């Protein structure tokens, strides 16, 4: 089962904000024995968002989408999701009720009485307009829900809202996938060796162990670390453990300096 992440926002691509979703999603998936398969960052461009969603809706992937579900002019994700599926954008009655409850609570906290028919509060209800048939994703921060469509889960860009909402999706919809495939990862640091000299060994390991992937992460070093390559294996635990032993044996034969990470 492939899992994807879409991050939407001009502010990410311009550098005005640094994305926090990617590392957090990787972390929350790893804690459940899952792994992110792909990720994309998109601008606040309705056509591009729609085209991307058309492509991903056509797959069986689980897709998390962060950003663009507010009610300001640069929030296009709700409409794009509807357009991608050829569905009308409709008011979700429970989503509407959630927003109205939030408006009333905010007014009470300020010692005021909410006018649910004011232009401002009516505009806020746009955040409950989703593609027809969408399901709600509860938002424990302010009760303004995200929405789900065809294994796609749309949440706000704010981490304080998005992260617990995504964890709710995982725990309530995909618990049966947790830790389904045992996984082991082991690596060494190889010093002062050329990656090209290690490539035949990497190829041989993958050919011999079909359920194992070899990875190679070169580093040019810095003031505190010598030039090195993190060389490792990952995959099915039994094959990975055997592959790692063989990897180390072959490195000794090559007479290169290495140490376990």
C-alpha atoms as a PDB file:
ATOM      1  CA  UNK A   1       0.000   0.000   0.000  1.00  0.00           C
ATOM      2  CA  UNK A   2       1.583   3.274  -1.152  1.00  0.00           C
ATOM      3  CA  UNK A   3       1.248   6.362   1.032  1.00  0.00           C
ATOM      4  CA  UNK A   4       1.659   9.852  -0.406  1.00  0.00           C
ATOM      5  CA  UNK A   5       1.865  13.379   0.969  1.00  0.00           C
ATOM      6  CA  UNK A   6       0.820  16.569  -0.820  1.00  0.00           C
ATOM      7  CA  UNK A   7       1.829  19.876   0.743  1.00  0.00           C
ATOM      8  CA  UNK A   8       0.129  22.959  -0.684  1.00  0.00           C
ATOM      9  CA  UNK A   9       1.222  26.563  -0.310  1.00  0.00           C
ATOM     10  CA  UNK A  10       3.092  29.287  -2.168  1.00  0.00           C
ATOM     11  CA  UNK A  11       4.745  30.157   1.140  1.00  0.00           C
ATOM     12  CA  UNK A  12       6.587  26.821   1.159  1.00  0.00           C
ATOM     13  CA  UNK A  13       7.880  27.192  -2.395  1.00  0.00           C
ATOM     14  CA  UNK A  14       8.914  30.810  -1.821  1.00  0.00           C
ATOM     15  CA  UNK A  15      10.717  29.978   1.398  1.00  0.00           C
ATOM     16  CA  UNK A  16       8.582  32.298   3.524  1.00  0.00           C
ATOM     17  CA  UNK A  17       7.775  29.246   5.654  1.00  0.00           C
ATOM     18  CA  UNK A  18       9.728  26.061   6.187  1.00  0.00           C
ATOM     19  CA  UNK A  19       7.693  22.900   5.731  1.00  0.00           C
ATOM     20  CA  UNK A  20       7.238  20.863   8.894  1.00  0.00           C
ATOM     21  CA  UNK A  21       4.783  18.278   7.576  1.00  0.00           C
ATOM     22  CA  UNK A  22       7.195  16.021   5.700  1.00  0.00           C
ATOM     23  CA  UNK A  23       9.413  15.032   8.668  1.00  0.00           C
ATOM     24  CA  UNK A  24       6.416  14.733  10.999  1.00  0.00           C
ATOM     25  CA  UNK A  25       4.467  12.480   8.641  1.00  0.00           C
ATOM     26  CA  UNK A  26       7.540  10.280   8.157  1.00  0.00           C
ATOM     27  CA  UNK A  27       7.826  10.071  11.945  1.00  0.00           C
ATOM     28  CA  UNK A  28       4.168   9.253  12.626  1.00  0.00           C
ATOM     29  CA  UNK A  29       4.164   6.582   9.921  1.00  0.00           C
ATOM     30  CA  UNK A  30       7.387   5.003  11.203  1.00  0.00           C
ATOM     31  CA  UNK A  31       5.896   4.801  14.692  1.00  0.00           C
ATOM     32  CA  UNK A  32       3.192   2.584  13.179  1.00  0.00           C
ATOM     33  CA  UNK A  33       5.456   0.434  11.046  1.00  0.00           C
ATOM     34  CA  UNK A  34       4.550   2.317   7.861  1.00  0.00           C
ATOM     35  CA  UNK A  35       6.593   4.296   5.352  1.00  0.00           C
ATOM     36  CA  UNK A  36       5.971   7.312   3.144  1.00  0.00           C
ATOM     37  CA  UNK A  37       6.186   6.375  -0.535  1.00  0.00           C
ATOM     38  CA  UNK A  38       6.167   9.789  -2.209  1.00  0.00           C
ATOM     39  CA  UNK A  39       5.662  13.490  -1.521  1.00  0.00           C
ATOM     40  CA  UNK A  40       4.908  16.585  -3.609  1.00  0.00           C
ATOM     41  CA  UNK A  41       4.821  20.319  -2.860  1.00  0.00           C
ATOM     42  CA  UNK A  42       2.335  22.365  -4.889  1.00  0.00           C
ATOM     43  CA  UNK A  43       1.663  26.099  -5.267  1.00  0.00           C
ATOM     44  CA  UNK A  44      -1.692  27.727  -4.612  1.00  0.00           C
ATOM     45  CA  UNK A  45      -2.607  27.112  -8.243  1.00  0.00           C
ATOM     46  CA  UNK A  46      -6.116  25.660  -8.777  1.00  0.00           C
ATOM     47  CA  UNK A  47      -5.299  24.039 -12.125  1.00  0.00           C
ATOM     48  CA  UNK A  48      -2.150  22.366 -10.841  1.00  0.00           C
ATOM     49  CA  UNK A  49      -3.830  21.147  -7.644  1.00  0.00           C
ATOM     50  CA  UNK A  50      -6.759  19.763  -9.645  1.00  0.00           C
ATOM     51  CA  UNK A  51      -4.489  18.004 -12.147  1.00  0.00           C
ATOM     52  CA  UNK A  52      -2.393  16.467  -9.366  1.00  0.00           C
ATOM     53  CA  UNK A  53      -5.482  15.223  -7.537  1.00  0.00           C
ATOM     54  CA  UNK A  54      -6.944  13.783 -10.727  1.00  0.00           C
ATOM     55  CA  UNK A  55      -3.762  11.749 -11.072  1.00  0.00           C
ATOM     56  CA  UNK A  56      -3.630  10.596  -7.456  1.00  0.00           C
ATOM     57  CA  UNK A  57      -7.367   9.842  -7.217  1.00  0.00           C
ATOM     58  CA  UNK A  58      -6.824   7.437 -10.111  1.00  0.00           C
ATOM     59  CA  UNK A  59      -4.476   5.352  -7.936  1.00  0.00           C
ATOM     60  CA  UNK A  60      -5.130   3.192  -4.893  1.00  0.00           C
ATOM     61  CA  UNK A  61      -2.717   5.259  -2.802  1.00  0.00           C
ATOM     62  CA  UNK A  62      -3.474   6.630   0.640  1.00  0.00           C
ATOM     63  CA  UNK A  63      -2.861  10.366   0.268  1.00  0.00           C
ATOM     64  CA  UNK A  64      -2.527  13.031   2.942  1.00  0.00           C
ATOM     65  CA  UNK A  65      -3.006  16.612   1.723  1.00  0.00           C
ATOM     66  CA  UNK A  66      -2.022  19.542   3.933  1.00  0.00           C
ATOM     67  CA  UNK A  67      -3.098  23.114   3.273  1.00  0.00           C
ATOM     68  CA  UNK A  68      -5.526  25.198   1.274  1.00  0.00           C
ATOM     69  CA  UNK A  69      -8.815  24.253   2.946  1.00  0.00           C
ATOM     70  CA  UNK A  70      -9.539  27.607   4.580  1.00  0.00           C
ATOM     71  CA  UNK A  71     -11.858  30.329   3.274  1.00  0.00           C
ATOM     72  CA  UNK A  72      -9.428  32.940   1.926  1.00  0.00           C
ATOM     73  CA  UNK A  73      -8.895  33.639  -1.806  1.00  0.00           C
ATOM     74  CA  UNK A  74      -5.712  31.544  -1.922  1.00  0.00           C
ATOM     75  CA  UNK A  75      -7.438  28.434  -0.521  1.00  0.00           C
ATOM     76  CA  UNK A  76      -8.277  26.273  -3.539  1.00  0.00           C
ATOM     77  CA  UNK A  77      -8.012  22.689  -2.278  1.00  0.00           C
ATOM     78  CA  UNK A  78     -11.705  22.097  -1.512  1.00  0.00           C
ATOM     79  CA  UNK A  79     -12.804  23.199  -4.983  1.00  0.00           C
ATOM     80  CA  UNK A  80      -9.883  21.419  -6.670  1.00  0.00           C
ATOM     81  CA  UNK A  81     -10.752  18.125  -4.977  1.00  0.00           C
ATOM     82  CA  UNK A  82     -14.351  18.423  -6.150  1.00  0.00           C
ATOM     83  CA  UNK A  83     -13.271  19.337  -9.684  1.00  0.00           C
ATOM     84  CA  UNK A  84     -10.798  16.456  -9.805  1.00  0.00           C
ATOM     85  CA  UNK A  85     -13.638  14.010  -9.162  1.00  0.00           C
ATOM     86  CA  UNK A  86     -16.232  15.850 -11.217  1.00  0.00           C
ATOM     87  CA  UNK A  87     -18.396  16.401  -8.151  1.00  0.00           C
ATOM     88  CA  UNK A  88     -20.316  19.480  -6.981  1.00  0.00           C
ATOM     89  CA  UNK A  89     -19.135  21.452  -3.986  1.00  0.00           C
ATOM     90  CA  UNK A  90     -21.884  21.253  -1.351  1.00  0.00           C
ATOM     91  CA  UNK A  91     -22.404  22.352   2.218  1.00  0.00           C
ATOM     92  CA  UNK A  92     -21.734  19.552   4.714  1.00  0.00           C
ATOM     93  CA  UNK A  93     -24.382  20.013   7.379  1.00  0.00           C
ATOM     94  CA  UNK A  94     -22.381  18.582  10.276  1.00  0.00           C
ATOM     95  CA  UNK A  95     -19.353  20.565   9.178  1.00  0.00           C
ATOM     96  CA  UNK A  96     -21.526  23.684   9.118  1.00  0.00           C
ATOM     97  CA  UNK A  97     -22.826  22.931  12.610  1.00  0.00           C
ATOM     98  CA  UNK A  98     -19.269  22.481  13.882  1.00  0.00           C
ATOM     99  CA  UNK A  99     -18.278  25.906  12.559  1.00  0.00           C
ATOM    100  CA  UNK A 100     -21.342  27.561  14.044  1.00  0.00           C
ATOM    101  CA  UNK A 101     -20.612  25.984  17.403  1.00  0.00           C
ATOM    102  CA  UNK A 102     -17.080  27.345  17.171  1.00  0.00           C
ATOM    103  CA  UNK A 103     -18.363  30.834  16.342  1.00  0.00           C
ATOM    104  CA  UNK A 104     -20.769  30.783  19.296  1.00  0.00           C
ATOM    105  CA  UNK A 105     -18.043  29.552  21.660  1.00  0.00           C
ATOM    106  CA  UNK A 106     -15.586  32.226  20.540  1.00  0.00           C
ATOM    107  CA  UNK A 107     -18.207  34.927  21.078  1.00  0.00           C
ATOM    108  CA  UNK A 108     -19.062  33.584  24.534  1.00  0.00           C
ATOM    109  CA  UNK A 109     -15.377  33.535  25.475  1.00  0.00           C
ATOM    110  CA  UNK A 110     -15.226  37.223  24.505  1.00  0.00           C
ATOM    111  CA  UNK A 111     -18.386  38.030  26.479  1.00  0.00           C
ATOM    112  CA  UNK A 112     -20.430  38.621  23.345  1.00  0.00           C
ATOM    113  CA  UNK A 113     -23.416  37.105  21.537  1.00  0.00           C
ATOM    114  CA  UNK A 114     -22.632  35.625  18.132  1.00  0.00           C
ATOM    115  CA  UNK A 115     -24.491  36.829  15.050  1.00  0.00           C
ATOM    116  CA  UNK A 116     -24.488  33.702  12.888  1.00  0.00           C
ATOM    117  CA  UNK A 117     -25.967  35.668   9.974  1.00  0.00           C
ATOM    118  CA  UNK A 118     -23.265  38.317   9.788  1.00  0.00           C
ATOM    119  CA  UNK A 119     -21.331  38.467   6.514  1.00  0.00           C
ATOM    120  CA  UNK A 120     -18.144  37.392   8.278  1.00  0.00           C
ATOM    121  CA  UNK A 121     -19.700  34.357   9.926  1.00  0.00           C
ATOM    122  CA  UNK A 122     -21.571  33.316   6.799  1.00  0.00           C
ATOM    123  CA  UNK A 123     -18.279  33.460   4.919  1.00  0.00           C
ATOM    124  CA  UNK A 124     -16.686  31.166   7.483  1.00  0.00           C
ATOM    125  CA  UNK A 125     -19.191  28.492   6.531  1.00  0.00           C
ATOM    126  CA  UNK A 126     -17.325  28.071   3.253  1.00  0.00           C
ATOM    127  CA  UNK A 127     -14.915  25.899   5.229  1.00  0.00           C
ATOM    128  CA  UNK A 128     -17.714  23.321   5.412  1.00  0.00           C
ATOM    129  CA  UNK A 129     -18.192  23.189   1.639  1.00  0.00           C
ATOM    130  CA  UNK A 130     -16.728  19.921   0.363  1.00  0.00           C
ATOM    131  CA  UNK A 131     -17.160  17.663  -2.637  1.00  0.00           C
ATOM    132  CA  UNK A 132     -20.446  15.806  -2.448  1.00  0.00           C
ATOM    133  CA  UNK A 133     -20.083  12.636  -0.378  1.00  0.00           C
ATOM    134  CA  UNK A 134     -17.052  13.782   1.620  1.00  0.00           C
ATOM    135  CA  UNK A 135     -16.624  12.511   5.175  1.00  0.00           C
ATOM    136  CA  UNK A 136     -15.392  14.683   8.032  1.00  0.00           C
ATOM    137  CA  UNK A 137     -12.021  14.482   9.745  1.00  0.00           C
ATOM    138  CA  UNK A 138     -12.378  15.812  13.305  1.00  0.00           C
ATOM    139  CA  UNK A 139     -10.201  18.738  14.300  1.00  0.00           C
ATOM    140  CA  UNK A 140      -9.502  18.661  18.054  1.00  0.00           C
ATOM    141  CA  UNK A 141      -7.924  22.119  17.990  1.00  0.00           C
ATOM    142  CA  UNK A 142     -10.919  24.215  16.921  1.00  0.00           C
ATOM    143  CA  UNK A 143     -13.576  21.711  15.751  1.00  0.00           C
ATOM    144  CA  UNK A 144     -13.431  22.965  12.128  1.00  0.00           C
ATOM    145  CA  UNK A 145     -13.233  19.672  10.293  1.00  0.00           C
ATOM    146  CA  UNK A 146     -11.098  18.501   7.411  1.00  0.00           C
ATOM    147  CA  UNK A 147     -12.534  16.093   4.880  1.00  0.00           C
ATOM    148  CA  UNK A 148     -11.918  12.693   3.300  1.00  0.00           C
ATOM    149  CA  UNK A 149     -12.554  11.507  -0.240  1.00  0.00           C
ATOM    150  CA  UNK A 150     -11.491   8.196  -1.778  1.00  0.00           C
ATOM    151  CA  UNK A 151      -8.488   7.456   0.473  1.00  0.00           C
ATOM    152  CA  UNK A 152      -7.452  11.124   0.292  1.00  0.00           C
ATOM    153  CA  UNK A 153      -7.416  13.063   3.546  1.00  0.00           C
ATOM    154  CA  UNK A 154      -7.449  16.857   3.495  1.00  0.00           C
ATOM    155  CA  UNK A 155      -6.331  18.810   6.562  1.00  0.00           C
ATOM    156  CA  UNK A 156      -5.278  22.403   7.295  1.00  0.00           C
ATOM    157  CA  UNK A 157      -1.747  23.633   6.802  1.00  0.00           C
ATOM    158  CA  UNK A 158      -1.336  24.481  10.488  1.00  0.00           C
ATOM    159  CA  UNK A 159       0.697  21.692  12.152  1.00  0.00           C
ATOM    160  CA  UNK A 160      -1.140  22.064  15.468  1.00  0.00           C
ATOM    161  CA  UNK A 161      -4.336  21.051  13.646  1.00  0.00           C
ATOM    162  CA  UNK A 162      -3.028  18.847  10.852  1.00  0.00           C
ATOM    163  CA  UNK A 163      -0.919  16.415  12.841  1.00  0.00           C
ATOM    164  CA  UNK A 164      -3.544  15.143  15.303  1.00  0.00           C
ATOM    165  CA  UNK A 165      -6.022  14.946  12.444  1.00  0.00           C
ATOM    166  CA  UNK A 166      -3.679  12.770  10.375  1.00  0.00           C
ATOM    167  CA  UNK A 167      -2.970  10.566  13.378  1.00  0.00           C
ATOM    168  CA  UNK A 168      -6.723  10.162  13.849  1.00  0.00           C
ATOM    169  CA  UNK A 169      -7.025   9.027  10.231  1.00  0.00           C
ATOM    170  CA  UNK A 170      -4.250   6.471  10.647  1.00  0.00           C
ATOM    171  CA  UNK A 171      -5.521   5.112  13.947  1.00  0.00           C
ATOM    172  CA  UNK A 172      -9.169   4.949  12.914  1.00  0.00           C
ATOM    173  CA  UNK A 173      -8.887   3.825   9.302  1.00  0.00           C
ATOM    174  CA  UNK A 174      -5.610   1.995   8.865  1.00  0.00           C
ATOM    175  CA  UNK A 175      -4.749   0.288  12.146  1.00  0.00           C
ATOM    176  CA  UNK A 176      -4.914  -3.044  10.301  1.00  0.00           C
ATOM    177  CA  UNK A 177      -1.834  -1.973   8.318  1.00  0.00           C
ATOM    178  CA  UNK A 178       0.306  -1.180  11.346  1.00  0.00           C
ATOM    179  CA  UNK A 179       3.484  -3.227  11.684  1.00  0.00           C
ATOM    180  CA  UNK A 180       2.193  -5.658   9.082  1.00  0.00           C
ATOM    181  CA  UNK A 181       5.576  -6.085   7.428  1.00  0.00           C
ATOM    182  CA  UNK A 182       8.501  -6.622   9.838  1.00  0.00           C
ATOM    183  CA  UNK A 183      11.389  -4.368   8.889  1.00  0.00           C
ATOM    184  CA  UNK A 184      15.062  -4.213   9.806  1.00  0.00           C
ATOM    185  CA  UNK A 185      17.670  -1.632   8.851  1.00  0.00           C
ATOM    186  CA  UNK A 186      21.405  -1.900   9.542  1.00  0.00           C
ATOM    187  CA  UNK A 187      24.293   0.195   8.263  1.00  0.00           C
ATOM    188  CA  UNK A 188      27.963   1.040   8.601  1.00  0.00           C
ATOM    189  CA  UNK A 189      30.050   4.141   7.953  1.00  0.00           C
ATOM    190  CA  UNK A 190      32.682   3.459   5.288  1.00  0.00           C
ATOM    191  CA  UNK A 191      35.560   5.946   5.367  1.00  0.00           C
ATOM    192  CA  UNK A 192      37.550   7.395   2.478  1.00  0.00           C
ATOM    193  CA  UNK A 193      36.125   5.003  -0.117  1.00  0.00           C
ATOM    194  CA  UNK A 194      34.716   5.841  -3.537  1.00  0.00           C
ATOM    195  CA  UNK A 195      31.059   5.011  -3.989  1.00  0.00           C
ATOM    196  CA  UNK A 196      31.855   3.577  -7.429  1.00  0.00           C
ATOM    197  CA  UNK A 197      34.184   1.039  -5.802  1.00  0.00           C
ATOM    198  CA  UNK A 198      31.329  -0.185  -3.601  1.00  0.00           C
ATOM    199  CA  UNK A 199      28.684  -0.352  -6.332  1.00  0.00           C
ATOM    200  CA  UNK A 200      29.446  -3.949  -7.439  1.00  0.00           C
ATOM    201  CA  UNK A 201      29.009  -5.078  -3.841  1.00  0.00           C
ATOM    202  CA  UNK A 202      25.670  -3.266  -3.575  1.00  0.00           C
ATOM    203  CA  UNK A 203      24.425  -4.844  -6.788  1.00  0.00           C
ATOM    204  CA  UNK A 204      25.521  -8.311  -5.661  1.00  0.00           C
ATOM    205  CA  UNK A 205      23.770  -7.984  -2.286  1.00  0.00           C
ATOM    206  CA  UNK A 206      20.449  -6.998  -3.901  1.00  0.00           C
ATOM    207  CA  UNK A 207      20.710  -9.817  -6.419  1.00  0.00           C
ATOM    208  CA  UNK A 208      21.341 -12.368  -3.694  1.00  0.00           C
ATOM    209  CA  UNK A 209      18.702 -11.077  -1.278  1.00  0.00           C
ATOM    210  CA  UNK A 210      15.528 -10.155  -3.190  1.00  0.00           C
ATOM    211  CA  UNK A 211      13.706  -8.831  -0.113  1.00  0.00           C
ATOM    212  CA  UNK A 212      16.519  -6.464   0.787  1.00  0.00           C
ATOM    213  CA  UNK A 213      17.351  -2.982  -0.480  1.00  0.00           C
ATOM    214  CA  UNK A 214      20.843  -1.538  -0.271  1.00  0.00           C
ATOM    215  CA  UNK A 215      21.259   2.178   0.427  1.00  0.00           C
ATOM    216  CA  UNK A 216      24.265   4.438   0.093  1.00  0.00           C
ATOM    217  CA  UNK A 217      24.408   7.941   1.593  1.00  0.00           C
ATOM    218  CA  UNK A 218      27.700   9.736   0.799  1.00  0.00           C
ATOM    219  CA  UNK A 219      28.982  12.614   2.914  1.00  0.00           C
ATOM    220  CA  UNK A 220      31.836  14.952   1.999  1.00  0.00           C
ATOM    221  CA  UNK A 221      32.554  15.414   5.701  1.00  0.00           C
ATOM    222  CA  UNK A 222      33.109  18.580   7.691  1.00  0.00           C
ATOM    223  CA  UNK A 223      35.309  19.949  10.443  1.00  0.00           C
ATOM    224  CA  UNK A 224      34.181  17.170  12.771  1.00  0.00           C
ATOM    225  CA  UNK A 225      33.654  14.223  10.412  1.00  0.00           C
ATOM    226  CA  UNK A 226      35.798  12.599   7.745  1.00  0.00           C
ATOM    227  CA  UNK A 227      34.511  11.883   4.277  1.00  0.00           C
ATOM    228  CA  UNK A 228      32.405   8.751   4.465  1.00  0.00           C
ATOM    229  CA  UNK A 229      29.527   6.743   3.033  1.00  0.00           C
ATOM    230  CA  UNK A 230      26.719   5.370   5.147  1.00  0.00           C
ATOM    231  CA  UNK A 231      26.246   1.982   3.528  1.00  0.00           C
ATOM    232  CA  UNK A 232      23.421  -0.237   4.670  1.00  0.00           C
ATOM    233  CA  UNK A 233      20.683  -2.751   4.029  1.00  0.00           C
ATOM    234  CA  UNK A 234      16.989  -2.681   4.874  1.00  0.00           C
ATOM    235  CA  UNK A 235      13.987  -4.913   4.412  1.00  0.00           C
ATOM    236  CA  UNK A 236      12.707  -8.302   5.591  1.00  0.00           C
ATOM    237  CA  UNK A 237      14.478  -8.932   8.936  1.00  0.00           C
ATOM    238  CA  UNK A 238      15.926 -12.428   8.361  1.00  0.00           C
ATOM    239  CA  UNK A 239      17.313 -11.640   4.924  1.00  0.00           C
ATOM    240  CA  UNK A 240      18.495  -8.217   6.056  1.00  0.00           C
ATOM    241  CA  UNK A 241      20.435  -9.609   9.019  1.00  0.00           C
ATOM    242  CA  UNK A 242      22.164 -12.161   6.767  1.00  0.00           C
ATOM    243  CA  UNK A 243      22.825  -9.555   4.093  1.00  0.00           C
ATOM    244  CA  UNK A 244      24.401  -7.233   6.648  1.00  0.00           C
ATOM    245  CA  UNK A 245      26.807  -9.929   7.811  1.00  0.00           C
ATOM    246  CA  UNK A 246      27.801 -10.557   4.219  1.00  0.00           C
ATOM    247  CA  UNK A 247      28.124  -6.836   3.551  1.00  0.00           C
ATOM    248  CA  UNK A 248      30.588  -6.476   6.416  1.00  0.00           C
ATOM    249  CA  UNK A 249      32.540  -9.556   5.317  1.00  0.00           C
ATOM    250  CA  UNK A 250      32.912  -8.176   1.808  1.00  0.00           C
ATOM    251  CA  UNK A 251      34.014  -4.770   3.119  1.00  0.00           C
ATOM    252  CA  UNK A 252      36.767  -6.499   5.086  1.00  0.00           C
ATOM    253  CA  UNK A 253      37.891  -8.253   1.923  1.00  0.00           C
ATOM    254  CA  UNK A 254      38.042  -4.874   0.196  1.00  0.00           C
ATOM    255  CA  UNK A 255      40.242  -3.676   3.086  1.00  0.00           C
ATOM    256  CA  UNK A 256      38.263  -0.505   3.630  1.00  0.00           C
ATOM    257  CA  UNK A 257      37.808   1.151   7.009  1.00  0.00           C
ATOM    258  CA  UNK A 258      34.287   0.989   8.404  1.00  0.00           C
ATOM    259  CA  UNK A 259      32.354   0.965  11.654  1.00  0.00           C
ATOM    260  CA  UNK A 260      28.713   0.228  12.603  1.00  0.00           C
ATOM    261  CA  UNK A 261      26.401   3.225  12.887  1.00  0.00           C
END
